Amino acid sequence: MKTINKLKNLANKIVLLRVDYNVPLKKGEILDDEKIVKSLPTIRALQAKKAKILIVTHIGRPDGKIVSDLKVDPVALRLGKLLKQRIVKLDSKNWAKKSGDKMRLDMLMTIDKMRPGEVAMLENIRFSKDEEGNKGTLAQELANLADIFVLDGFAVSHRADASVVGVAKYLPAFAGLLMESEVKALSKVLKSPKKPFVAIIGGVKAETKIPVIKNLLKKSNYILIGGGIVNTYLYAKGFKIGNSVVDKKYAKEILQYCKSKKVIKPLDVVVGDIKGKKYWVKDLDKNFKITDKNLAIYDIGPKTIHEYAKYIKKAKTIVWNGAMGYFEQHPYENATYSIARLVATRSKGKAFGVVGGGETLLSLEVVKMTEYVDHVSTGGGAMLEFLSGKQLPGVKIL
């Protein structure tokens, strides 16, 4: 993989930098700027090499339409404050329209006037219907603006889009520092993990977790399961589980892989109503059943946490993706927060810990343990696809 470390003096060279600034917005305010902060080392490295930087990102799912609430203005403003410099905003929302010719000319003139180290940002690239799926001439249009392409958005590297893979057909492509760190950390886990290697897989969507479980069964010593994976497993075993979230389509596959002795299943679960007003712990024995349709499984229980802790405390490599339960609602946060503390306590020293996925990262932040984990991945879907053994389109082009 070619990285920006191999680039020397970029004086007056124009770098098209694809990042992932798909941050949560509310009324024009950024709720979490972590993705922006994590891109700063790459931007500063390119500035040190005297490059002119054109930033490309997407925000949300505008589906090829211009959506005012999804414009990049708040992101450009926040980046400017972090870099302590003005970010030039390029009007690039009309690629396919007749007015696009004037837009292109205006952009080229603005870029030409930029000085080394200056940063400009294009409008939300998903305002173009040609972005997703790398359609039309968008990739070539983007490439025409620059001399070099740098991909630093690991979180979008599993998407074969125009601004992710298409541009690399027309420009020399390099990995940014964030991209490099993500690939190194996840490759270390898959190719040379220290044993015991313990994976913790939770979350709701069985569809995205099955390929990961399948691949990690070959590489890990143990896989601890939680969240909707447990519900689907119990459903596949024939248990009555009330209104619990189940991925029925993948029940047979979950059952198949959970038969492995490497997959450690819960001993007990927390059953209750969705608002957490009434709840109790139930052992997962042969008599387990939930007949009330107003009740469901919302967390793994205390016996399970205690059992899982034994595996985590002996691990030398840990990968965690997916919440253990419906942690957004009290009192169903106990297992997720407990696992977060266990993983963080074991990481950076006794074990190499890698954590990813939106809910998983949020739980680490809540318990204030993020800084104690070796690698916190910015990629949700990309991390899962990487761990499942797939070659990501964005990694392949580098």
Protein backbone atom coordinates (compact mmCIF):
# COMPACT_ATOMS: atom_id res chain seq x y z
CA MET A 1 0.00 0.00 0.00
CA LYS A 2 1.47 3.35 -1.07
CA THR A 3 1.21 6.01 1.64
CA ILE A 4 1.76 9.77 1.70
CA ASN A 5 5.03 9.13 3.57
CA LYS A 6 6.50 8.23 0.17
CA LEU A 7 5.61 11.65 -1.23
CA LYS A 8 8.36 14.25 -0.98
CA ASN A 9 8.03 17.91 -1.89
CA LEU A 10 4.54 18.64 -3.20
CA ALA A 11 5.10 22.36 -3.73
CA ASN A 12 2.20 23.74 -5.76
CA LYS A 13 0.85 20.23 -6.38
CA ILE A 14 -2.89 19.85 -5.92
CA VAL A 15 -3.98 16.92 -3.74
CA LEU A 16 -7.54 15.62 -3.89
CA LEU A 17 -8.12 14.27 -0.37
CA ARG A 18 -11.11 11.96 0.14
CA VAL A 19 -12.05 11.92 3.82
CA ASP A 20 -15.07 10.72 5.77
CA TYR A 21 -16.71 13.74 7.37
CA ASN A 22 -20.12 12.07 7.55
CA VAL A 23 -20.70 13.56 10.99
CA PRO A 24 -24.00 13.80 12.89
CA LEU A 25 -25.66 17.18 12.38
CA LYS A 26 -28.57 18.81 14.18
CA LYS A 27 -29.85 22.20 13.01
CA GLY A 28 -26.49 22.93 11.40
CA GLU A 29 -24.52 22.02 14.53
CA ILE A 30 -21.98 19.17 14.57
CA LEU A 31 -22.75 16.77 17.43
CA ASP A 32 -19.47 14.82 17.20
CA ASP A 33 -16.35 16.04 15.35
CA GLU A 34 -14.15 12.98 16.00
CA LYS A 35 -13.97 12.10 12.29
CA ILE A 36 -12.74 15.60 11.48
CA VAL A 37 -10.15 15.52 14.27
CA LYS A 38 -8.80 12.16 13.09
CA SER A 39 -8.11 13.56 9.62
CA LEU A 40 -5.91 16.39 10.90
CA PRO A 41 -2.57 14.48 10.89
CA THR A 42 -2.97 13.72 7.18
CA ILE A 43 -3.93 17.31 6.34
CA ARG A 44 -1.00 18.70 8.33
CA ALA A 45 1.41 16.23 6.73
CA LEU A 46 0.29 17.36 3.27
CA GLN A 47 0.59 21.00 4.33
CA ALA A 48 4.14 20.35 5.51
CA LYS A 49 4.89 19.09 2.00
CA LYS A 50 3.58 22.40 0.58
CA ALA A 51 0.54 20.88 -1.17
CA LYS A 52 -2.71 22.60 -2.05
CA ILE A 53 -5.49 20.44 -0.58
CA LEU A 54 -8.96 19.84 -2.01
CA ILE A 55 -11.17 17.95 0.43
CA VAL A 56 -13.97 15.70 -0.75
CA THR A 57 -16.54 14.13 1.58
CA HIS A 58 -20.16 13.07 1.75
CA ILE A 59 -22.68 13.78 4.48
CA GLY A 60 -25.80 11.68 4.89
CA ARG A 61 -27.82 10.19 2.04
CA PRO A 62 -29.06 12.97 -0.25
CA ASP A 63 -29.51 10.44 -3.10
CA GLY A 64 -28.17 12.68 -5.83
CA LYS A 65 -30.23 15.70 -4.78
CA ILE A 66 -29.16 18.99 -3.21
CA VAL A 67 -30.32 18.93 0.43
CA SER A 68 -29.63 22.18 2.28
CA ASP A 69 -29.36 20.45 5.68
CA LEU A 70 -26.58 18.22 4.31
CA LYS A 71 -24.28 20.92 2.93
CA VAL A 72 -20.65 20.86 4.08
CA ASP A 73 -20.64 24.41 5.51
CA PRO A 74 -20.69 23.39 9.22
CA VAL A 75 -17.92 20.87 8.56
CA ALA A 76 -15.77 23.41 6.71
CA LEU A 77 -16.27 25.86 9.58
CA ARG A 78 -15.24 23.30 12.21
CA LEU A 79 -12.21 22.18 10.20
CA GLY A 80 -11.15 25.80 9.84
CA LYS A 81 -11.30 26.30 13.61
CA LEU A 82 -9.26 23.13 14.20
CA LEU A 83 -6.62 24.11 11.64
CA LYS A 84 -6.81 27.80 12.63
CA GLN A 85 -7.18 28.88 9.02
CA ARG A 86 -9.91 29.73 6.55
CA ILE A 87 -11.26 26.85 4.46
CA VAL A 88 -12.10 27.83 0.89
CA LYS A 89 -15.59 26.59 -0.03
CA LEU A 90 -15.86 25.41 -3.64
CA ASP A 91 -19.30 25.53 -5.27
CA SER A 92 -19.36 22.05 -6.81
CA LYS A 93 -22.98 20.99 -6.61
CA ASN A 94 -24.00 21.23 -10.27
CA TRP A 95 -21.78 18.68 -12.03
CA ALA A 96 -24.47 17.38 -14.37
CA LYS A 97 -26.24 20.65 -15.12
CA LYS A 98 -25.63 23.11 -17.97
CA SER A 99 -24.38 25.60 -15.40
CA GLY A 100 -21.68 23.05 -14.60
CA ASP A 101 -19.25 24.50 -17.16
CA LYS A 102 -19.14 27.85 -15.37
CA MET A 103 -18.85 25.99 -12.05
CA ARG A 104 -15.81 24.07 -13.32
CA LEU A 105 -14.14 27.21 -14.59
CA ASP A 106 -14.77 29.05 -11.31
CA MET A 107 -13.32 26.12 -9.34
CA LEU A 108 -10.19 25.93 -11.49
CA MET A 109 -9.63 29.66 -11.13
CA THR A 110 -10.07 29.49 -7.33
CA ILE A 111 -7.73 26.49 -7.06
CA ASP A 112 -5.13 28.24 -9.21
CA LYS A 113 -5.09 31.17 -6.77
CA MET A 114 -4.61 28.92 -3.73
CA ARG A 115 -1.25 29.02 -1.97
CA PRO A 116 0.72 25.99 -0.72
CA GLY A 117 -0.85 24.74 2.53
CA GLU A 118 -4.27 26.21 1.81
CA VAL A 119 -7.30 23.96 2.09
CA ALA A 120 -10.49 24.00 0.03
CA MET A 121 -13.59 21.84 0.38
CA LEU A 122 -15.97 20.67 -2.32
CA GLU A 123 -19.71 20.48 -1.71
CA ASN A 124 -21.23 17.19 -0.49
CA ILE A 125 -20.17 14.77 -3.22
CA ARG A 126 -23.37 12.74 -2.88
CA PHE A 127 -25.31 15.69 -4.26
CA SER A 128 -24.16 14.17 -7.55
CA LYS A 129 -26.16 11.11 -8.63
CA ASP A 130 -22.98 9.74 -10.25
CA GLU A 131 -21.05 9.41 -6.97
CA GLU A 132 -22.54 6.18 -5.64
CA GLY A 133 -21.57 3.29 -7.87
CA ASN A 134 -18.99 5.36 -9.78
CA LYS A 135 -21.29 6.32 -12.64
CA GLY A 136 -20.89 8.81 -15.48
CA THR A 137 -17.81 11.03 -15.72
CA LEU A 138 -17.70 12.30 -12.13
CA ALA A 139 -14.45 10.48 -11.26
CA GLN A 140 -12.72 12.00 -14.27
CA GLU A 141 -14.15 15.44 -13.47
CA LEU A 142 -12.70 15.22 -9.95
CA ALA A 143 -9.36 13.98 -11.25
CA ASN A 144 -9.15 16.96 -13.61
CA LEU A 145 -8.94 19.23 -10.56
CA ALA A 146 -5.82 17.66 -9.03
CA ASP A 147 -2.39 16.07 -9.51
CA ILE A 148 -2.52 13.42 -6.77
CA PHE A 149 -5.30 11.47 -5.02
CA VAL A 150 -5.14 10.61 -1.32
CA LEU A 151 -7.72 8.35 0.31
CA ASP A 152 -7.97 8.84 4.07
CA GLY A 153 -11.61 7.85 4.63
CA PHE A 154 -11.34 4.23 5.76
CA ALA A 155 -15.04 4.30 6.66
CA VAL A 156 -15.92 4.66 2.95
CA SER A 157 -13.24 2.31 1.61
CA HIS A 158 -15.75 -0.52 1.21
CA ARG A 159 -17.73 1.55 -1.31
CA ALA A 160 -16.81 1.48 -5.00
CA ASP A 161 -17.83 5.11 -5.50
CA ALA A 162 -16.48 7.75 -7.88
CA SER A 163 -14.61 9.71 -5.19
CA VAL A 164 -13.29 6.54 -3.52
CA VAL A 165 -12.07 4.28 -6.34
CA GLY A 166 -12.96 6.03 -9.59
CA VAL A 167 -10.47 8.89 -9.22
CA ALA A 168 -7.60 6.42 -8.76
CA LYS A 169 -7.94 5.38 -12.41
CA TYR A 170 -6.82 8.85 -13.47
CA LEU A 171 -4.45 10.00 -10.70
CA PRO A 172 -1.58 8.47 -8.67
CA ALA A 173 -3.28 7.18 -5.49
CA PHE A 174 -1.90 7.11 -1.95
CA ALA A 175 -3.20 6.24 1.51
CA GLY A 176 -3.49 8.95 4.15
CA LEU A 177 -2.18 8.43 7.68
CA LEU A 178 -5.59 7.47 9.11
CA MET A 179 -6.17 4.98 6.31
CA GLU A 180 -2.71 3.52 6.90
CA SER A 181 -3.27 3.12 10.65
CA GLU A 182 -6.66 1.43 10.12
CA VAL A 183 -5.32 -1.10 7.62
CA LYS A 184 -2.24 -1.83 9.76
CA ALA A 185 -4.26 -2.43 12.93
CA LEU A 186 -6.90 -4.64 11.31
CA SER A 187 -4.29 -6.54 9.27
CA LYS A 188 -2.37 -7.23 12.48
CA VAL A 189 -5.49 -8.75 14.00
CA LEU A 190 -6.15 -11.00 11.00
CA LYS A 191 -2.60 -11.95 9.99
CA SER A 192 -0.54 -12.11 13.17
CA PRO A 193 -2.73 -11.96 16.29
CA LYS A 194 -1.18 -12.86 19.61
CA LYS A 195 -3.10 -15.69 21.24
CA PRO A 196 -5.47 -16.07 22.97
CA PHE A 197 -7.43 -14.03 20.41
CA VAL A 198 -10.93 -13.13 21.65
CA ALA A 199 -13.56 -11.53 19.42
CA ILE A 200 -16.69 -9.93 20.86
CA ILE A 201 -19.53 -9.62 18.37
CA GLY A 202 -22.84 -7.93 19.15
CA GLY A 203 -25.26 -5.54 17.50
CA VAL A 204 -28.55 -6.16 15.77
CA LYS A 205 -27.83 -7.01 12.13
CA ALA A 206 -26.95 -10.68 11.74
CA GLU A 207 -26.42 -10.14 8.02
CA THR A 208 -23.29 -8.03 8.56
CA LYS A 209 -21.94 -10.10 11.45
CA ILE A 210 -22.21 -13.60 9.93
CA PRO A 211 -19.27 -13.14 7.49
CA VAL A 212 -17.17 -11.78 10.38
CA ILE A 213 -18.00 -14.72 12.65
CA LYS A 214 -17.30 -17.13 9.79
CA ASN A 215 -13.86 -15.63 9.10
CA LEU A 216 -12.86 -15.13 12.74
CA LEU A 217 -13.74 -18.72 13.61
CA LYS A 218 -10.64 -19.63 11.58
CA LYS A 219 -8.41 -17.07 13.27
CA SER A 220 -9.60 -16.51 16.84
CA ASN A 221 -9.67 -18.73 19.90
CA TYR A 222 -13.05 -17.57 21.16
CA ILE A 223 -16.00 -15.50 19.96
CA LEU A 224 -18.28 -14.00 22.62
CA ILE A 225 -21.73 -13.10 21.29
CA GLY A 226 -24.29 -10.55 22.45
CA GLY A 227 -27.05 -8.28 21.19
CA GLY A 228 -29.42 -9.39 18.45
CA ILE A 229 -27.08 -12.26 17.53
CA VAL A 230 -28.14 -13.97 20.77
CA ASN A 231 -31.84 -13.42 20.07
CA THR A 232 -31.52 -14.89 16.58
CA TYR A 233 -29.59 -17.87 17.93
CA LEU A 234 -32.26 -18.59 20.55
CA TYR A 235 -35.00 -18.21 17.93
CA ALA A 236 -33.19 -20.69 15.68
CA LYS A 237 -32.97 -23.12 18.62
CA GLY A 238 -36.76 -23.01 18.95
CA PHE A 239 -37.10 -20.90 22.10
CA LYS A 240 -40.05 -18.55 22.55
CA ILE A 241 -38.50 -15.10 22.88
CA GLY A 242 -41.48 -12.72 22.93
CA ASN A 243 -40.94 -9.47 21.05
CA SER A 244 -37.14 -9.77 20.89
CA VAL A 245 -35.40 -8.40 17.79
CA VAL A 246 -34.63 -11.33 15.48
CA ASP A 247 -33.05 -11.59 12.04
CA LYS A 248 -35.16 -14.55 10.88
CA LYS A 249 -33.64 -14.60 7.40
CA TYR A 250 -30.24 -15.50 8.82
CA ALA A 251 -31.35 -17.71 11.72
CA LYS A 252 -30.09 -20.96 10.18
CA GLU A 253 -26.65 -19.51 9.47
CA ILE A 254 -26.35 -18.06 12.97
CA LEU A 255 -27.26 -21.46 14.41
CA GLN A 256 -24.73 -23.17 12.15
CA TYR A 257 -21.79 -21.01 13.21
CA CYS A 258 -22.82 -20.82 16.87
CA LYS A 259 -22.54 -24.61 17.10
CA SER A 260 -18.77 -24.18 17.17
CA LYS A 261 -17.13 -24.68 20.57
CA LYS A 262 -15.24 -21.46 19.92
CA VAL A 263 -18.48 -19.47 20.13
CA ILE A 264 -19.28 -18.74 23.76
CA LYS A 265 -23.00 -18.24 24.35
CA PRO A 266 -24.75 -16.36 27.18
CA LEU A 267 -25.75 -18.12 30.39
CA ASP A 268 -28.49 -15.62 31.22
CA VAL A 269 -30.27 -12.60 29.74
CA VAL A 270 -32.19 -9.55 30.92
CA VAL A 271 -35.87 -9.67 29.96
CA GLY A 272 -38.19 -6.69 30.25
CA ASP A 273 -40.33 -4.08 28.55
CA ILE A 274 -38.96 -1.60 26.02
CA LYS A 275 -38.96 1.33 28.48
CA GLY A 276 -37.14 -0.61 31.20
CA LYS A 277 -39.90 -0.10 33.76
CA LYS A 278 -40.08 -3.80 34.56
CA TYR A 279 -37.25 -6.23 33.98
CA TRP A 280 -35.58 -9.30 35.45
CA VAL A 281 -32.75 -11.74 34.79
CA LYS A 282 -33.58 -15.17 33.37
CA ASP A 283 -31.22 -18.13 33.04
CA LEU A 284 -30.93 -19.64 29.57
CA ASP A 285 -31.87 -23.18 30.48
CA LYS A 286 -34.25 -25.62 28.78
CA ASN A 287 -37.23 -24.00 30.53
CA PHE A 288 -36.51 -20.52 29.16
CA LYS A 289 -39.40 -18.86 27.35
CA ILE A 290 -41.06 -15.47 26.91
CA THR A 291 -44.73 -15.75 26.07
CA ASP A 292 -45.72 -12.12 26.68
CA LYS A 293 -45.45 -10.18 23.38
CA ASN A 294 -44.80 -6.97 25.33
CA LEU A 295 -41.55 -8.39 26.69
CA ALA A 296 -38.21 -9.07 25.02
CA ILE A 297 -34.53 -9.82 25.61
CA TYR A 298 -32.70 -6.50 25.95
CA ASP A 299 -29.31 -7.43 27.41
CA ILE A 300 -27.06 -10.30 28.43
CA GLY A 301 -27.14 -11.06 32.15
CA PRO A 302 -24.67 -10.79 35.07
CA LYS A 303 -23.60 -14.45 34.94
CA THR A 304 -22.74 -14.00 31.28
CA ILE A 305 -20.75 -10.83 31.94
CA HIS A 306 -18.80 -12.67 34.65
CA GLU A 307 -18.15 -15.59 32.28
CA TYR A 308 -17.12 -13.36 29.37
CA ALA A 309 -14.77 -11.44 31.68
CA LYS A 310 -12.74 -14.64 32.21
CA TYR A 311 -12.00 -14.85 28.48
CA ILE A 312 -11.29 -11.13 28.07
CA LYS A 313 -8.89 -11.08 31.04
CA LYS A 314 -6.79 -13.84 29.44
CA ALA A 315 -6.81 -12.41 25.92
CA LYS A 316 -3.75 -11.01 24.16
CA THR A 317 -5.71 -9.83 21.13
CA ILE A 318 -9.25 -8.42 21.38
CA VAL A 319 -11.64 -7.28 18.67
CA TRP A 320 -15.01 -5.83 19.67
CA ASN A 321 -17.80 -4.72 17.36
CA GLY A 322 -21.44 -4.31 18.37
CA ALA A 323 -23.34 -3.53 21.56
CA MET A 324 -24.27 -6.33 23.95
CA GLY A 325 -27.82 -5.08 24.37
CA TYR A 326 -30.23 -2.18 24.01
CA PHE A 327 -27.80 0.06 25.88
CA GLU A 328 -29.54 3.32 24.93
CA GLN A 329 -32.29 2.48 27.44
CA HIS A 330 -31.66 2.15 31.18
CA PRO A 331 -31.18 -0.45 32.70
CA TYR A 332 -30.13 -2.39 29.59
CA GLU A 333 -26.74 -0.69 29.32
CA ASN A 334 -25.02 -2.79 31.99
CA ALA A 335 -23.42 -5.46 29.80
CA THR A 336 -22.22 -3.08 27.06
CA TYR A 337 -20.62 -0.72 29.57
CA SER A 338 -19.10 -3.62 31.51
CA ILE A 339 -17.56 -5.07 28.35
CA ALA A 340 -16.27 -1.59 27.41
CA ARG A 341 -14.47 -1.30 30.74
CA LEU A 342 -13.08 -4.84 30.51
CA VAL A 343 -11.74 -4.36 26.97
CA ALA A 344 -10.21 -0.97 27.78
CA THR A 345 -8.61 -2.25 30.98
CA ARG A 346 -7.01 -5.18 29.13
CA SER A 347 -5.82 -3.10 26.15
CA LYS A 348 -2.58 -1.14 25.73
CA GLY A 349 -0.22 -3.53 27.41
CA LYS A 350 -1.63 -6.93 28.23
CA ALA A 351 -3.57 -7.18 24.96
CA PHE A 352 -3.86 -5.44 21.59
CA GLY A 353 -7.42 -4.11 21.58
CA VAL A 354 -9.36 -3.03 18.50
CA VAL A 355 -12.85 -1.57 18.80
CA GLY A 356 -15.22 -0.36 16.07
CA GLY A 357 -18.85 0.36 15.24
CA GLY A 358 -20.90 3.43 16.17
CA GLU A 359 -22.68 1.98 19.21
CA THR A 360 -19.49 0.35 20.46
CA LEU A 361 -17.52 3.58 20.27
CA LEU A 362 -20.32 5.51 21.97
CA SER A 363 -20.27 3.10 24.91
CA LEU A 364 -16.50 3.61 25.28
CA GLU A 365 -17.00 7.37 25.29
CA VAL A 366 -19.73 7.16 27.93
CA VAL A 367 -17.49 5.20 30.32
CA LYS A 368 -14.56 7.51 29.38
CA MET A 369 -12.30 4.64 28.29
CA THR A 370 -11.69 5.41 24.59
CA GLU A 371 -8.08 6.53 25.12
CA TYR A 372 -7.18 3.21 26.74
CA VAL A 373 -7.88 1.09 23.65
CA ASP A 374 -5.02 0.47 21.19
CA HIS A 375 -7.01 1.14 18.05
CA VAL A 376 -10.44 2.75 17.77
CA SER A 377 -11.63 2.18 14.22
CA THR A 378 -13.50 4.90 12.33
CA GLY A 379 -14.99 2.30 10.00
CA GLY A 380 -18.29 0.62 10.84
CA GLY A 381 -19.26 -1.31 7.72
CA ALA A 382 -15.71 -1.08 6.35
CA MET A 383 -14.27 -2.64 9.50
CA LEU A 384 -16.78 -5.49 9.35
CA GLU A 385 -16.05 -6.20 5.70
CA PHE A 386 -12.30 -6.10 6.35
CA LEU A 387 -12.66 -8.53 9.27
CA SER A 388 -14.80 -10.82 7.13
CA GLY A 389 -11.83 -11.23 4.81
CA LYS A 390 -13.12 -9.16 1.91
CA GLN A 391 -10.77 -6.99 -0.11
CA LEU A 392 -12.11 -3.46 0.16
CA PRO A 393 -12.29 -1.53 -3.12
CA GLY A 394 -10.66 1.51 -1.53
CA VAL A 395 -7.76 -0.54 -0.16
CA LYS A 396 -7.27 -2.41 -3.42
CA ILE A 397 -6.55 0.77 -5.40
CA LEU A 398 -3.73 1.90 -3.09
